[in-house]
C-alpha atoms as a PDB file:
ATOM      1  CA  MET A   1     -18.290 -42.939 -30.605  1.00  0.00           C
ATOM      2  CA  HIS A   2     -16.523 -39.638 -30.147  1.00  0.00           C
ATOM      3  CA  GLU A   3     -14.010 -41.549 -28.020  1.00  0.00           C
ATOM      4  CA  LEU A   4     -12.373 -42.927 -31.192  1.00  0.00           C
ATOM      5  CA  PRO A   5     -10.844 -39.658 -32.503  1.00  0.00           C
ATOM      6  CA  VAL A   6      -9.877 -38.624 -28.971  1.00  0.00           C
ATOM      7  CA  MET A   7      -8.081 -41.904 -28.363  1.00  0.00           C
ATOM      8  CA  LYS A   8      -6.393 -41.647 -31.768  1.00  0.00           C
ATOM      9  CA  SER A   9      -5.002 -38.225 -30.783  1.00  0.00           C
ATOM     10  CA  ILE A  10      -3.860 -39.517 -27.403  1.00  0.00           C
ATOM     11  CA  LEU A  11      -2.191 -42.567 -28.945  1.00  0.00           C
ATOM     12  CA  ASP A  12      -0.382 -40.373 -31.496  1.00  0.00           C
ATOM     13  CA  ILE A  13       1.075 -38.265 -28.671  1.00  0.00           C
ATOM     14  CA  VAL A  14       1.990 -41.334 -26.607  1.00  0.00           C
ATOM     15  CA  LEU A  15       3.799 -42.976 -29.520  1.00  0.00           C
ATOM     16  CA  LYS A  16       5.627 -39.784 -30.438  1.00  0.00           C
ATOM     17  CA  GLN A  17       6.892 -39.340 -26.860  1.00  0.00           C
ATOM     18  CA  ALA A  18       7.786 -43.029 -26.581  1.00  0.00           C
ATOM     19  CA  THR A  19       9.882 -42.771 -29.742  1.00  0.00           C
ATOM     20  CA  ILE A  20      11.617 -39.566 -28.616  1.00  0.00           C
ATOM     21  CA  HIS A  21      12.571 -41.165 -25.294  1.00  0.00           C
ATOM     22  CA  ASN A  22      13.559 -44.608 -26.681  1.00  0.00           C
ATOM     23  CA  VAL A  23      10.834 -46.436 -24.764  1.00  0.00           C
ATOM     24  CA  ARG A  24      10.537 -50.195 -25.290  1.00  0.00           C
ATOM     25  CA  SER A  25       6.889 -50.380 -24.283  1.00  0.00           C
ATOM     26  CA  VAL A  26       4.163 -48.295 -22.690  1.00  0.00           C
ATOM     27  CA  ARG A  27       2.520 -50.088 -19.766  1.00  0.00           C
ATOM     28  CA  ALA A  28       0.010 -47.417 -18.729  1.00  0.00           C
ATOM     29  CA  VAL A  29      -1.220 -43.996 -19.746  1.00  0.00           C
ATOM     30  CA  GLN A  30      -2.390 -41.730 -16.945  1.00  0.00           C
ATOM     31  CA  LEU A  31      -5.099 -39.368 -18.160  1.00  0.00           C
ATOM     32  CA  GLU A  32      -6.990 -36.446 -16.695  1.00  0.00           C
ATOM     33  CA  VAL A  33     -10.526 -36.264 -18.061  1.00  0.00           C
ATOM     34  CA  GLY A  34     -13.183 -33.709 -17.213  1.00  0.00           C
ATOM     35  CA  LEU A  35     -16.620 -34.916 -16.154  1.00  0.00           C
ATOM     36  CA  LEU A  36     -18.234 -32.822 -18.917  1.00  0.00           C
ATOM     37  CA  SER A  37     -16.147 -34.423 -21.656  1.00  0.00           C
ATOM     38  CA  ASP A  38     -18.810 -37.106 -22.249  1.00  0.00           C
ATOM     39  CA  LEU A  39     -16.038 -39.686 -22.574  1.00  0.00           C
ATOM     40  CA  GLU A  40     -16.669 -43.115 -21.077  1.00  0.00           C
ATOM     41  CA  ALA A  41     -13.831 -45.107 -19.533  1.00  0.00           C
ATOM     42  CA  GLN A  42     -14.954 -48.426 -20.999  1.00  0.00           C
ATOM     43  CA  TRP A  43     -15.057 -47.081 -24.559  1.00  0.00           C
ATOM     44  CA  MET A  44     -11.834 -45.132 -24.136  1.00  0.00           C
ATOM     45  CA  GLN A  45      -9.972 -48.314 -23.170  1.00  0.00           C
ATOM     46  CA  ARG A  46     -11.675 -50.364 -25.882  1.00  0.00           C
ATOM     47  CA  TYR A  47     -10.754 -47.905 -28.642  1.00  0.00           C
ATOM     48  CA  PHE A  48      -7.246 -47.424 -27.266  1.00  0.00           C
ATOM     49  CA  ASP A  49      -6.747 -51.214 -27.308  1.00  0.00           C
ATOM     50  CA  TYR A  50      -7.982 -51.395 -30.892  1.00  0.00           C
ATOM     51  CA  LEU A  51      -5.844 -48.505 -32.134  1.00  0.00           C
ATOM     52  CA  SER A  52      -2.679 -49.509 -30.272  1.00  0.00           C
ATOM     53  CA  ARG A  53      -2.463 -53.077 -31.583  1.00  0.00           C
ATOM     54  CA  GLY A  54       1.025 -53.746 -32.907  1.00  0.00           C
ATOM     55  CA  THR A  55       2.505 -50.577 -31.361  1.00  0.00           C
ATOM     56  CA  LEU A  56       4.677 -49.825 -28.331  1.00  0.00           C
ATOM     57  CA  ALA A  57       1.469 -49.074 -26.442  1.00  0.00           C
ATOM     58  CA  GLN A  58      -0.221 -52.399 -27.111  1.00  0.00           C
ATOM     59  CA  GLU A  59      -1.971 -53.653 -23.952  1.00  0.00           C
ATOM     60  CA  ALA A  60      -1.349 -50.369 -22.088  1.00  0.00           C
ATOM     61  CA  GLU A  61      -3.849 -49.646 -19.348  1.00  0.00           C
ATOM     62  CA  LEU A  62      -5.593 -46.289 -19.236  1.00  0.00           C
ATOM     63  CA  LYS A  63      -5.589 -44.879 -15.712  1.00  0.00           C
ATOM     64  CA  ILE A  64      -8.182 -42.146 -15.627  1.00  0.00           C
ATOM     65  CA  GLN A  65      -8.443 -39.362 -13.091  1.00  0.00           C
ATOM     66  CA  TRP A  66     -11.832 -37.685 -13.434  1.00  0.00           C
ATOM     67  CA  ASN A  67     -11.601 -33.915 -12.957  1.00  0.00           C
ATOM     68  CA  PRO A  68     -14.581 -32.096 -11.440  1.00  0.00           C
ATOM     69  CA  ILE A  69     -16.716 -29.474 -13.125  1.00  0.00           C
ATOM     70  CA  VAL A  70     -15.452 -26.129 -11.834  1.00  0.00           C
ATOM     71  CA  PHE A  71     -16.866 -22.680 -12.570  1.00  0.00           C
ATOM     72  CA  ARG A  72     -15.588 -19.217 -11.674  1.00  0.00           C
ATOM     73  CA  CYS A  73     -18.056 -16.425 -11.036  1.00  0.00           C
ATOM     74  CA  GLN A  74     -17.366 -13.392 -13.237  1.00  0.00           C
ATOM     75  CA  GLU A  75     -19.078 -11.150 -10.682  1.00  0.00           C
ATOM     76  CA  CYS A  76     -17.361 -12.030  -7.384  1.00  0.00           C
ATOM     77  CA  GLY A  77     -14.437 -14.212  -8.530  1.00  0.00           C
ATOM     78  CA  LYS A  78     -15.434 -17.262  -6.454  1.00  0.00           C
ATOM     79  CA  SER A  79     -14.514 -20.674  -7.924  1.00  0.00           C
ATOM     80  CA  PHE A  80     -16.713 -23.639  -7.094  1.00  0.00           C
ATOM     81  CA  GLU A  81     -17.481 -27.207  -8.123  1.00  0.00           C
ATOM     82  CA  ALA A  82     -20.807 -28.121  -9.685  1.00  0.00           C
ATOM     83  CA  GLU A  83     -22.539 -31.398 -10.430  1.00  0.00           C
ATOM     84  CA  ARG A  84     -23.772 -32.279 -13.897  1.00  0.00           C
ATOM     85  CA  LYS A  85     -27.354 -32.502 -12.613  1.00  0.00           C
ATOM     86  CA  MET A  86     -27.161 -28.799 -11.648  1.00  0.00           C
ATOM     87  CA  LEU A  87     -26.586 -27.763 -15.262  1.00  0.00           C
ATOM     88  CA  PRO A  88     -27.685 -25.503 -16.922  1.00  0.00           C
ATOM     89  CA  ASP A  89     -29.095 -23.678 -13.876  1.00  0.00           C
ATOM     90  CA  VAL A  90     -25.796 -23.215 -12.043  1.00  0.00           C
ATOM     91  CA  ALA A  91     -25.460 -20.095  -9.932  1.00  0.00           C
ATOM     92  CA  CYS A  92     -22.585 -18.879  -7.810  1.00  0.00           C
ATOM     93  CA  PRO A  93     -23.034 -20.124  -4.216  1.00  0.00           C
ATOM     94  CA  ALA A  94     -21.431 -16.927  -2.903  1.00  0.00           C
ATOM     95  CA  CYS A  95     -23.412 -14.236  -4.725  1.00  0.00           C
ATOM     96  CA  GLY A  96     -26.178 -16.103  -6.578  1.00  0.00           C
ATOM     97  CA  ARG A  97     -25.228 -14.709  -9.989  1.00  0.00           C
ATOM     98  CA  LYS A  98     -25.091 -16.806 -13.154  1.00  0.00           C
ATOM     99  CA  HIS A  99     -22.345 -14.975 -15.054  1.00  0.00           C
ATOM    100  CA  LEU A 100     -19.870 -17.879 -14.925  1.00  0.00           C
ATOM    101  CA  SER A 101     -16.904 -19.212 -16.849  1.00  0.00           C
ATOM    102  CA  LEU A 102     -15.947 -22.867 -17.019  1.00  0.00           C
ATOM    103  CA  VAL A 103     -12.555 -23.537 -15.393  1.00  0.00           C
ATOM    104  CA  SER A 104     -12.448 -27.314 -15.781  1.00  0.00           C
ATOM    105  CA  GLY A 105     -14.655 -30.186 -16.786  1.00  0.00           C
ATOM    106  CA  ARG A 106     -14.252 -30.588 -20.553  1.00  0.00           C
ATOM    107  CA  GLU A 107     -10.523 -31.328 -20.706  1.00  0.00           C
ATOM    108  CA  TYR A 108      -8.678 -34.494 -21.514  1.00  0.00           C
ATOM    109  CA  ARG A 109      -4.923 -34.657 -21.294  1.00  0.00           C
ATOM    110  CA  ILE A 110      -2.071 -37.055 -20.750  1.00  0.00           C
ATOM    111  CA  ARG A 111      -0.694 -36.709 -17.252  1.00  0.00           C
ATOM    112  CA  ASN A 112       2.030 -39.356 -17.308  1.00  0.00           C
ATOM    113  CA  LEU A 113       3.242 -42.519 -19.005  1.00  0.00           C
ATOM    114  CA  GLU A 114       4.375 -45.688 -17.270  1.00  0.00           C
ATOM    115  CA  VAL A 115       7.010 -47.270 -19.494  1.00  0.00           C
ATOM    116  CA  GLU A 116       9.724 -49.932 -19.745  1.00  0.00           C
END
């Protein structure tokens, strides 16, 4: 159910931008979502539909691009993708160390709006 506050935030931004740019209606919202965000596409669309009723974004489709989980090794500087099933035992494929920082995977952001 954590999709609800996320979709509320996204809708607020969409409506603000639509108003600023004199948009008649929002047809689609292109999103980038990290694979570690624990957001589910079905619930994101369902909550967005519920929250956007009666707004410029009513019936807008969410087009989701899923971003990979990417770490950067703090020892050698190598960046690499990891799969969720590898967590929490991820090690750098170049040097084998586990001193890593997350580069992407938890984000969610609006990439673009398709409007009329």
